[in-house]
């Protein structure tokens, strides 16, 4: 999520300290809930809870990303991240809109919506790469 090399500033260090536990929680809860659902075939409220558990750390990670934007004092970094986030969101919205029309006509299979956040993260990262390349080609890169 960082856009420049070198020592991380305090906001970036706080971001990493918050982000890593969130992602570890996601992986752990995903493994445990998947195992429990396959092993015990729960129903009702327990199934609901087990299916919901892996999403909770991801929701926290989304909050961590927003908090980082609020805490980041370097205006260049903050602006760069906001542009990349909006660019990634635009790509995600375009992809899911196109997929939705194709899905509606039964041309493609159903899209598992839980993949939206990971796909956005990938689009966000690609947009950061695009911005860095654009700046290097324009002579404004590091």
Protein backbone atom coordinates (compact mmCIF):
# COMPACT_ATOMS: atom_id res chain seq x y z
CA UNK A 1 0.00 0.00 0.00
CA UNK A 2 3.03 2.26 0.24
CA UNK A 3 4.04 4.39 -2.71
CA UNK A 4 7.60 5.39 -1.87
CA UNK A 5 10.78 3.69 -0.79
CA UNK A 6 12.64 4.30 2.44
CA UNK A 7 11.76 4.44 6.10
CA UNK A 8 8.08 4.23 6.87
CA UNK A 9 6.46 7.13 8.63
CA UNK A 10 4.44 6.66 11.87
CA UNK A 11 1.09 6.36 10.04
CA UNK A 12 2.51 3.63 7.81
CA UNK A 13 3.90 1.73 10.80
CA UNK A 14 0.52 1.91 12.56
CA UNK A 15 -1.16 0.73 9.37
CA UNK A 16 1.07 -2.36 9.17
CA UNK A 17 0.56 -3.12 12.89
CA UNK A 18 -3.21 -3.06 12.30
CA UNK A 19 -3.31 -4.65 8.85
CA UNK A 20 -1.23 -7.76 9.58
CA UNK A 21 -3.38 -9.03 12.49
CA UNK A 22 -6.51 -8.41 10.41
CA UNK A 23 -5.21 -10.48 7.54
CA UNK A 24 -3.92 -13.22 9.85
CA UNK A 25 -7.34 -13.27 11.52
CA UNK A 26 -8.99 -13.57 8.12
CA UNK A 27 -6.81 -16.51 7.07
CA UNK A 28 -7.26 -18.24 10.43
CA UNK A 29 -11.02 -17.79 10.57
CA UNK A 30 -11.38 -18.81 6.92
CA UNK A 31 -9.49 -22.06 7.57
CA UNK A 32 -11.36 -22.82 10.81
CA UNK A 33 -14.81 -22.00 9.44
CA UNK A 34 -14.25 -23.93 6.21
CA UNK A 35 -13.03 -26.95 8.17
CA UNK A 36 -15.92 -26.78 10.67
CA UNK A 37 -18.55 -26.46 7.94
CA UNK A 38 -17.12 -29.40 5.98
CA UNK A 39 -16.55 -31.58 9.05
CA UNK A 40 -19.76 -30.94 10.97
CA UNK A 41 -22.29 -29.74 8.37
CA UNK A 42 -23.90 -27.24 10.74
CA UNK A 43 -27.26 -25.65 10.05
CA UNK A 44 -29.16 -22.56 11.06
CA UNK A 45 -27.54 -19.95 13.27
CA UNK A 46 -24.27 -21.86 13.65
CA UNK A 47 -23.85 -22.14 9.88
CA UNK A 48 -24.66 -18.43 9.58
CA UNK A 49 -22.02 -17.57 12.18
CA UNK A 50 -19.36 -19.83 10.66
CA UNK A 51 -20.02 -18.42 7.19
CA UNK A 52 -19.85 -14.84 8.52
CA UNK A 53 -16.68 -15.18 10.61
CA UNK A 54 -14.06 -14.81 7.82
CA UNK A 55 -15.71 -11.60 6.61
CA UNK A 56 -15.31 -9.80 9.93
CA UNK A 57 -11.52 -9.36 9.79
CA UNK A 58 -11.82 -8.15 6.17
CA UNK A 59 -14.32 -5.52 7.26
CA UNK A 60 -11.81 -4.52 9.93
CA UNK A 61 -9.05 -4.32 7.29
CA UNK A 62 -11.24 -1.99 5.21
CA UNK A 63 -11.54 0.19 8.31
CA UNK A 64 -7.77 0.02 8.85
CA UNK A 65 -7.22 1.25 5.28
CA UNK A 66 -9.59 4.17 5.85
CA UNK A 67 -7.95 4.99 9.17
CA UNK A 68 -4.55 5.02 7.48
CA UNK A 69 -5.81 7.60 4.97
CA UNK A 70 -7.03 9.78 7.85
CA UNK A 71 -3.73 9.46 9.75
CA UNK A 72 -1.36 9.87 6.80
CA UNK A 73 0.12 13.38 6.95
CA UNK A 74 2.09 13.25 3.69
CA UNK A 75 -0.31 14.82 1.21
CA UNK A 76 1.40 13.26 -1.81
CA UNK A 77 1.13 9.74 -0.39
CA UNK A 78 -2.46 10.28 0.75
CA UNK A 79 -3.50 11.71 -2.62
CA UNK A 80 -1.73 8.92 -4.47
CA UNK A 81 -3.53 6.28 -2.40
CA UNK A 82 -6.91 7.94 -2.84
CA UNK A 83 -6.43 8.11 -6.62
CA UNK A 84 -5.34 4.45 -6.71
CA UNK A 85 -8.26 3.39 -4.51
CA UNK A 86 -10.76 5.22 -6.70
CA UNK A 87 -9.10 3.85 -9.85
CA UNK A 88 -9.24 0.32 -8.41
CA UNK A 89 -12.88 0.84 -7.47
CA UNK A 90 -13.65 2.02 -11.01
CA UNK A 91 -12.03 -1.08 -12.48
CA UNK A 92 -13.92 -3.33 -10.04
CA UNK A 93 -17.23 -1.64 -10.82
CA UNK A 94 -16.63 -1.95 -14.56
CA UNK A 95 -15.71 -5.64 -14.24
CA UNK A 96 -18.67 -6.53 -12.03
CA UNK A 97 -21.09 -4.54 -14.19
CA UNK A 98 -19.93 -6.33 -17.33
CA UNK A 99 -19.97 -9.69 -15.53
CA UNK A 100 -23.46 -8.97 -14.20
CA UNK A 101 -24.87 -8.42 -17.67
CA UNK A 102 -23.15 -11.56 -18.95
CA UNK A 103 -24.36 -13.51 -15.92
CA UNK A 104 -27.91 -12.25 -16.40
CA UNK A 105 -27.88 -13.70 -19.92
CA UNK A 106 -26.35 -16.93 -18.60
CA UNK A 107 -23.18 -16.48 -20.67
CA UNK A 108 -20.93 -16.80 -17.63
CA UNK A 109 -21.38 -18.51 -14.23
CA UNK A 110 -22.47 -16.71 -11.06
CA UNK A 111 -19.82 -14.39 -9.61
CA UNK A 112 -18.99 -15.11 -5.96
CA UNK A 113 -19.32 -11.63 -4.47
CA UNK A 114 -16.97 -12.41 -1.57
CA UNK A 115 -14.19 -12.03 -4.14
CA UNK A 116 -15.00 -8.34 -4.64
CA UNK A 117 -12.62 -7.10 -1.95
CA UNK A 118 -9.63 -9.21 -3.05
CA UNK A 119 -10.26 -8.20 -6.67
CA UNK A 120 -10.45 -4.55 -5.62
CA UNK A 121 -7.15 -4.95 -3.76
CA UNK A 122 -5.58 -6.31 -6.95
CA UNK A 123 -7.04 -3.47 -9.04
CA UNK A 124 -5.86 -0.96 -6.43
CA UNK A 125 -2.34 -2.39 -6.64
CA UNK A 126 -2.37 -2.38 -10.44
CA UNK A 127 -3.51 1.24 -10.40
CA UNK A 128 -0.62 2.13 -8.10
CA UNK A 129 1.74 0.47 -10.58
CA UNK A 130 0.14 2.45 -13.40
CA UNK A 131 0.59 5.72 -11.49
CA UNK A 132 4.24 4.93 -10.76
CA UNK A 133 4.93 4.04 -14.39
CA UNK A 134 3.14 7.17 -15.58
CA UNK A 135 5.21 9.33 -13.25
CA UNK A 136 8.49 7.66 -14.27
CA UNK A 137 7.71 8.13 -17.95
CA UNK A 138 6.83 11.76 -17.32
CA UNK A 139 10.12 12.25 -15.45
CA UNK A 140 8.46 12.77 -12.08
CA UNK A 141 9.28 9.39 -10.54
CA UNK A 142 11.78 8.57 -7.83
